[in-house]
Amino acid sequence: MPRLIVLPHEELCPQGAVIDAQKGVSICDTLLDHGIEIEHACEKSCACTTCHVILREGYDSLSEATETEEDLLDKAWGLEPTSRLSCQAQVGDADLVVEIPKYSINMVKEGH
């Protein structure tokens, strides 16, 4: 079973986390299912960039991003070559090391 290793994030996951992930499930759903409340303003429909993550390890194990995802990523805060929208990137066979950026372009957070 692949592992999703989440690097510490000041607000969402201060201690970091190691999660047994299910292959074929999105990174976003995996995080949410384990109590890491990553933003997903468009309800995971690939229409925003609030669920942007940076893959520090395992990027090459993911399927390629669609053109729509690539276009949206161009608008993400802190974009890096290994950035993905977590609602679109599905866990494969390899372990993933994920960094959740400190900021997003979302001006309003639900529930805050």
C-alpha atoms as a PDB file:
ATOM      1  CA  MET A   1       0.000   0.000   0.000  1.00  0.00           C
ATOM      2  CA  PRO A   2       1.466   3.384  -0.957  1.00  0.00           C
ATOM      3  CA  ARG A   3       2.030   5.991   1.722  1.00  0.00           C
ATOM      4  CA  LEU A   4       1.226   9.674   1.544  1.00  0.00           C
ATOM      5  CA  ILE A   5       3.784  11.558   3.612  1.00  0.00           C
ATOM      6  CA  VAL A   6       2.567  15.064   4.386  1.00  0.00           C
ATOM      7  CA  LEU A   7       5.192  17.608   5.366  1.00  0.00           C
ATOM      8  CA  PRO A   8       4.312  19.856   8.328  1.00  0.00           C
ATOM      9  CA  HIS A   9       1.939  22.735   7.545  1.00  0.00           C
ATOM     10  CA  GLU A  10       1.494  25.406  10.197  1.00  0.00           C
ATOM     11  CA  GLU A  11      -2.325  25.358  10.154  1.00  0.00           C
ATOM     12  CA  LEU A  12      -3.486  22.142   8.509  1.00  0.00           C
ATOM     13  CA  CYS A  13      -1.017  19.557   9.768  1.00  0.00           C
ATOM     14  CA  PRO A  14       1.518  21.032  12.219  1.00  0.00           C
ATOM     15  CA  GLN A  15       3.245  17.717  12.938  1.00  0.00           C
ATOM     16  CA  GLY A  16       3.080  16.339   9.417  1.00  0.00           C
ATOM     17  CA  ALA A  17       1.501  12.957   8.771  1.00  0.00           C
ATOM     18  CA  VAL A  18       2.100   9.540   7.281  1.00  0.00           C
ATOM     19  CA  ILE A  19      -1.040   8.087   5.731  1.00  0.00           C
ATOM     20  CA  ASP A  20      -1.655   4.663   4.220  1.00  0.00           C
ATOM     21  CA  ALA A  21      -3.181   5.742   0.919  1.00  0.00           C
ATOM     22  CA  GLN A  22      -5.437   3.838  -1.432  1.00  0.00           C
ATOM     23  CA  LYS A  23      -4.320   3.574  -5.034  1.00  0.00           C
ATOM     24  CA  GLY A  24      -6.637   5.421  -7.429  1.00  0.00           C
ATOM     25  CA  VAL A  25      -7.929   7.894  -4.823  1.00  0.00           C
ATOM     26  CA  SER A  26      -7.054  11.558  -5.257  1.00  0.00           C
ATOM     27  CA  ILE A  27      -4.509  13.176  -2.981  1.00  0.00           C
ATOM     28  CA  CYS A  28      -7.206  15.671  -1.940  1.00  0.00           C
ATOM     29  CA  ASP A  29      -9.688  12.967  -0.900  1.00  0.00           C
ATOM     30  CA  THR A  30      -6.941  11.062   0.919  1.00  0.00           C
ATOM     31  CA  LEU A  31      -5.998  14.176   2.896  1.00  0.00           C
ATOM     32  CA  LEU A  32      -9.614  15.024   3.713  1.00  0.00           C
ATOM     33  CA  ASP A  33     -10.388  11.422   4.737  1.00  0.00           C
ATOM     34  CA  HIS A  34      -7.566  11.656   7.277  1.00  0.00           C
ATOM     35  CA  GLY A  35      -8.592  14.976   8.842  1.00  0.00           C
ATOM     36  CA  ILE A  36      -6.257  17.250   6.889  1.00  0.00           C
ATOM     37  CA  GLU A  37      -8.636  19.979   5.757  1.00  0.00           C
ATOM     38  CA  ILE A  38      -6.985  21.127   2.539  1.00  0.00           C
ATOM     39  CA  GLU A  39      -8.934  23.829   0.738  1.00  0.00           C
ATOM     40  CA  HIS A  40     -11.012  22.751  -2.233  1.00  0.00           C
ATOM     41  CA  ALA A  41     -13.175  25.738  -3.115  1.00  0.00           C
ATOM     42  CA  CYS A  42     -14.517  24.281  -6.379  1.00  0.00           C
ATOM     43  CA  GLU A  43     -15.589  21.040  -4.689  1.00  0.00           C
ATOM     44  CA  LYS A  44     -12.841  19.105  -6.490  1.00  0.00           C
ATOM     45  CA  SER A  45     -14.077  19.891 -10.010  1.00  0.00           C
ATOM     46  CA  CYS A  46     -10.748  21.198 -11.391  1.00  0.00           C
ATOM     47  CA  ALA A  47     -11.994  24.782 -11.512  1.00  0.00           C
ATOM     48  CA  CYS A  48      -9.671  26.537  -9.046  1.00  0.00           C
ATOM     49  CA  THR A  49      -6.215  26.159  -7.494  1.00  0.00           C
ATOM     50  CA  THR A  50      -6.976  26.070  -3.783  1.00  0.00           C
ATOM     51  CA  CYS A  51      -5.987  22.390  -3.447  1.00  0.00           C
ATOM     52  CA  HIS A  52      -2.551  22.971  -5.018  1.00  0.00           C
ATOM     53  CA  VAL A  53       0.202  20.773  -3.586  1.00  0.00           C
ATOM     54  CA  ILE A  54       3.879  20.310  -4.353  1.00  0.00           C
ATOM     55  CA  LEU A  55       5.187  16.772  -4.713  1.00  0.00           C
ATOM     56  CA  ARG A  56       8.626  16.552  -3.101  1.00  0.00           C
ATOM     57  CA  GLU A  57       8.909  12.843  -3.946  1.00  0.00           C
ATOM     58  CA  GLY A  58       6.904  10.561  -6.196  1.00  0.00           C
ATOM     59  CA  TYR A  59       5.872  13.117  -8.828  1.00  0.00           C
ATOM     60  CA  ASP A  60       6.886  10.870 -11.716  1.00  0.00           C
ATOM     61  CA  SER A  61       4.607   8.080 -10.469  1.00  0.00           C
ATOM     62  CA  LEU A  62       1.492  10.200 -11.105  1.00  0.00           C
ATOM     63  CA  SER A  63      -0.383  10.244 -14.383  1.00  0.00           C
ATOM     64  CA  GLU A  64       0.177  13.353 -16.475  1.00  0.00           C
ATOM     65  CA  ALA A  65      -1.836  16.461 -15.707  1.00  0.00           C
ATOM     66  CA  THR A  66      -4.584  17.369 -18.155  1.00  0.00           C
ATOM     67  CA  GLU A  67      -4.386  20.573 -20.152  1.00  0.00           C
ATOM     68  CA  THR A  68      -7.119  22.074 -17.957  1.00  0.00           C
ATOM     69  CA  GLU A  69      -5.143  21.286 -14.805  1.00  0.00           C
ATOM     70  CA  GLU A  70      -1.951  22.710 -16.329  1.00  0.00           C
ATOM     71  CA  ASP A  71      -3.771  25.935 -17.265  1.00  0.00           C
ATOM     72  CA  LEU A  72      -5.111  26.321 -13.727  1.00  0.00           C
ATOM     73  CA  LEU A  73      -1.757  25.550 -12.134  1.00  0.00           C
ATOM     74  CA  ASP A  74      -0.311  28.559 -13.953  1.00  0.00           C
ATOM     75  CA  LYS A  75      -2.449  30.664 -11.584  1.00  0.00           C
ATOM     76  CA  ALA A  76      -1.423  28.886  -8.366  1.00  0.00           C
ATOM     77  CA  TRP A  77       0.539  30.656  -5.653  1.00  0.00           C
ATOM     78  CA  GLY A  78       4.050  29.230  -5.269  1.00  0.00           C
ATOM     79  CA  LEU A  79       3.964  27.108  -8.427  1.00  0.00           C
ATOM     80  CA  GLU A  80       6.876  24.680  -8.799  1.00  0.00           C
ATOM     81  CA  PRO A  81       7.752  22.135 -11.516  1.00  0.00           C
ATOM     82  CA  THR A  82       6.295  19.340  -9.373  1.00  0.00           C
ATOM     83  CA  SER A  83       3.031  21.139  -8.519  1.00  0.00           C
ATOM     84  CA  ARG A  84      -0.316  19.404  -8.988  1.00  0.00           C
ATOM     85  CA  LEU A  85      -3.925  20.031  -8.073  1.00  0.00           C
ATOM     86  CA  SER A  86      -4.563  17.469  -5.363  1.00  0.00           C
ATOM     87  CA  CYS A  87      -8.141  16.932  -6.558  1.00  0.00           C
ATOM     88  CA  GLN A  88      -6.815  15.675  -9.900  1.00  0.00           C
ATOM     89  CA  ALA A  89      -3.683  13.741  -8.903  1.00  0.00           C
ATOM     90  CA  GLN A  90      -4.481  10.155  -7.971  1.00  0.00           C
ATOM     91  CA  VAL A  91      -2.276   8.015  -5.779  1.00  0.00           C
ATOM     92  CA  GLY A  92      -0.426   5.334  -7.721  1.00  0.00           C
ATOM     93  CA  ASP A  93       1.938   2.580  -6.608  1.00  0.00           C
ATOM     94  CA  ALA A  94       4.704   4.799  -5.214  1.00  0.00           C
ATOM     95  CA  ASP A  95       4.928   6.646  -1.915  1.00  0.00           C
ATOM     96  CA  LEU A  96       4.346  10.404  -2.233  1.00  0.00           C
ATOM     97  CA  VAL A  97       5.868  13.214  -0.191  1.00  0.00           C
ATOM     98  CA  VAL A  98       3.483  16.164  -0.311  1.00  0.00           C
ATOM     99  CA  GLU A  99       3.929  19.771   0.718  1.00  0.00           C
ATOM    100  CA  ILE A 100       0.825  21.913   1.111  1.00  0.00           C
ATOM    101  CA  PRO A 101       1.786  25.505   0.257  1.00  0.00           C
ATOM    102  CA  LYS A 102       1.412  28.075   3.006  1.00  0.00           C
ATOM    103  CA  TYR A 103      -0.896  30.243   0.896  1.00  0.00           C
ATOM    104  CA  SER A 104      -3.493  29.841  -1.812  1.00  0.00           C
ATOM    105  CA  ILE A 105      -5.196  32.390  -4.029  1.00  0.00           C
ATOM    106  CA  ASN A 106      -8.500  31.780  -2.252  1.00  0.00           C
ATOM    107  CA  MET A 107      -9.589  35.054  -0.695  1.00  0.00           C
ATOM    108  CA  VAL A 108     -12.405  33.492   1.374  1.00  0.00           C
ATOM    109  CA  LYS A 109     -12.282  30.211   3.250  1.00  0.00           C
ATOM    110  CA  GLU A 110     -15.487  28.363   3.991  1.00  0.00           C
ATOM    111  CA  GLY A 111     -16.156  28.044   7.708  1.00  0.00           C
ATOM    112  CA  HIS A 112     -13.851  30.945   8.655  1.00  0.00           C
END
